[in-house]
């Protein structure tokens, strides 16, 4: 994986709007992965009896709270 977005921009000669779309996608994907890890950890604890409910993923899983 390329380590930085500016490297991608330089490699492929991307325009600024494409760069912004890509940056937003990478940020959203990272948020989705973080939330997935939280859900999986919580559900594992629920299997062990720590919690009495399970969490799930939905279409808002890539959103973050600022």
C-alpha atoms as a PDB file:
ATOM      1  CA  UNK A   1       0.000   0.000   0.000  1.00  0.00           C
ATOM      2  CA  UNK A   2       1.194   3.502  -0.748  1.00  0.00           C
ATOM      3  CA  UNK A   3       2.132   5.257   2.467  1.00  0.00           C
ATOM      4  CA  UNK A   4       0.892   8.724   1.627  1.00  0.00           C
ATOM      5  CA  UNK A   5      -1.752  10.384  -0.461  1.00  0.00           C
ATOM      6  CA  UNK A   6       0.698  12.958  -1.866  1.00  0.00           C
ATOM      7  CA  UNK A   7       2.713  10.013  -3.236  1.00  0.00           C
ATOM      8  CA  UNK A   8      -0.418   8.702  -4.977  1.00  0.00           C
ATOM      9  CA  UNK A   9      -1.175  12.158  -6.318  1.00  0.00           C
ATOM     10  CA  UNK A  10       2.328  12.425  -7.751  1.00  0.00           C
ATOM     11  CA  UNK A  11       2.379   8.885  -9.159  1.00  0.00           C
ATOM     12  CA  UNK A  12      -0.901   9.153 -10.999  1.00  0.00           C
ATOM     13  CA  UNK A  13      -1.032  12.919 -11.651  1.00  0.00           C
ATOM     14  CA  UNK A  14      -4.383  13.161  -9.891  1.00  0.00           C
ATOM     15  CA  UNK A  15      -6.357  16.351  -9.948  1.00  0.00           C
ATOM     16  CA  UNK A  16      -7.261  18.007  -6.641  1.00  0.00           C
ATOM     17  CA  UNK A  17     -10.896  16.853  -6.670  1.00  0.00           C
ATOM     18  CA  UNK A  18      -9.834  13.234  -7.162  1.00  0.00           C
ATOM     19  CA  UNK A  19      -7.313  13.685  -4.390  1.00  0.00           C
ATOM     20  CA  UNK A  20     -10.062  14.932  -2.038  1.00  0.00           C
ATOM     21  CA  UNK A  21     -12.344  12.014  -2.922  1.00  0.00           C
ATOM     22  CA  UNK A  22      -9.528   9.546  -2.295  1.00  0.00           C
ATOM     23  CA  UNK A  23      -8.595  11.232   0.970  1.00  0.00           C
ATOM     24  CA  UNK A  24     -12.210  11.075   2.164  1.00  0.00           C
ATOM     25  CA  UNK A  25     -12.475   7.414   1.160  1.00  0.00           C
ATOM     26  CA  UNK A  26      -9.311   6.487   3.055  1.00  0.00           C
ATOM     27  CA  UNK A  27     -10.491   8.406   6.129  1.00  0.00           C
ATOM     28  CA  UNK A  28     -13.927   6.757   5.993  1.00  0.00           C
ATOM     29  CA  UNK A  29     -12.396   3.307   5.523  1.00  0.00           C
ATOM     30  CA  UNK A  30     -10.158   3.823   8.573  1.00  0.00           C
ATOM     31  CA  UNK A  31     -13.176   4.914  10.641  1.00  0.00           C
ATOM     32  CA  UNK A  32     -15.143   1.865   9.425  1.00  0.00           C
ATOM     33  CA  UNK A  33     -12.298  -0.482  10.366  1.00  0.00           C
ATOM     34  CA  UNK A  34     -11.992   1.105  13.821  1.00  0.00           C
ATOM     35  CA  UNK A  35     -15.735   0.741  14.399  1.00  0.00           C
ATOM     36  CA  UNK A  36     -15.670  -2.855  13.165  1.00  0.00           C
ATOM     37  CA  UNK A  37     -12.930  -3.653  15.675  1.00  0.00           C
ATOM     38  CA  UNK A  38     -15.006  -2.079  18.465  1.00  0.00           C
ATOM     39  CA  UNK A  39     -18.081  -4.104  17.462  1.00  0.00           C
ATOM     40  CA  UNK A  40     -16.128  -7.359  17.246  1.00  0.00           C
ATOM     41  CA  UNK A  41     -14.458  -6.799  20.616  1.00  0.00           C
ATOM     42  CA  UNK A  42     -17.771  -5.929  22.258  1.00  0.00           C
ATOM     43  CA  UNK A  43     -19.514  -8.986  20.776  1.00  0.00           C
ATOM     44  CA  UNK A  44     -16.713 -11.247  21.967  1.00  0.00           C
ATOM     45  CA  UNK A  45     -17.196  -9.835  25.470  1.00  0.00           C
ATOM     46  CA  UNK A  46     -20.954 -10.383  25.106  1.00  0.00           C
ATOM     47  CA  UNK A  47     -20.265 -14.045  24.270  1.00  0.00           C
ATOM     48  CA  UNK A  48     -18.305 -14.233  27.521  1.00  0.00           C
ATOM     49  CA  UNK A  49     -21.177 -12.706  29.497  1.00  0.00           C
ATOM     50  CA  UNK A  50     -19.648  -9.284  30.110  1.00  0.00           C
ATOM     51  CA  UNK A  51     -22.447  -7.540  28.199  1.00  0.00           C
ATOM     52  CA  UNK A  52     -26.113  -8.445  27.798  1.00  0.00           C
ATOM     53  CA  UNK A  53     -26.438  -7.109  24.248  1.00  0.00           C
ATOM     54  CA  UNK A  54     -24.652  -7.313  20.909  1.00  0.00           C
ATOM     55  CA  UNK A  55     -23.562  -4.557  18.543  1.00  0.00           C
ATOM     56  CA  UNK A  56     -23.792  -4.639  14.771  1.00  0.00           C
ATOM     57  CA  UNK A  57     -22.592  -2.751  11.719  1.00  0.00           C
ATOM     58  CA  UNK A  58     -24.865  -0.644   9.509  1.00  0.00           C
ATOM     59  CA  UNK A  59     -24.650   2.010   6.800  1.00  0.00           C
ATOM     60  CA  UNK A  60     -23.446   4.604   9.316  1.00  0.00           C
ATOM     61  CA  UNK A  61     -20.426   2.594  10.476  1.00  0.00           C
ATOM     62  CA  UNK A  62     -17.975   4.838   8.625  1.00  0.00           C
ATOM     63  CA  UNK A  63     -19.074   7.977  10.477  1.00  0.00           C
ATOM     64  CA  UNK A  64     -17.121   9.470  13.344  1.00  0.00           C
ATOM     65  CA  UNK A  65     -18.006  11.849  16.143  1.00  0.00           C
ATOM     66  CA  UNK A  66     -15.899  15.005  16.272  1.00  0.00           C
END
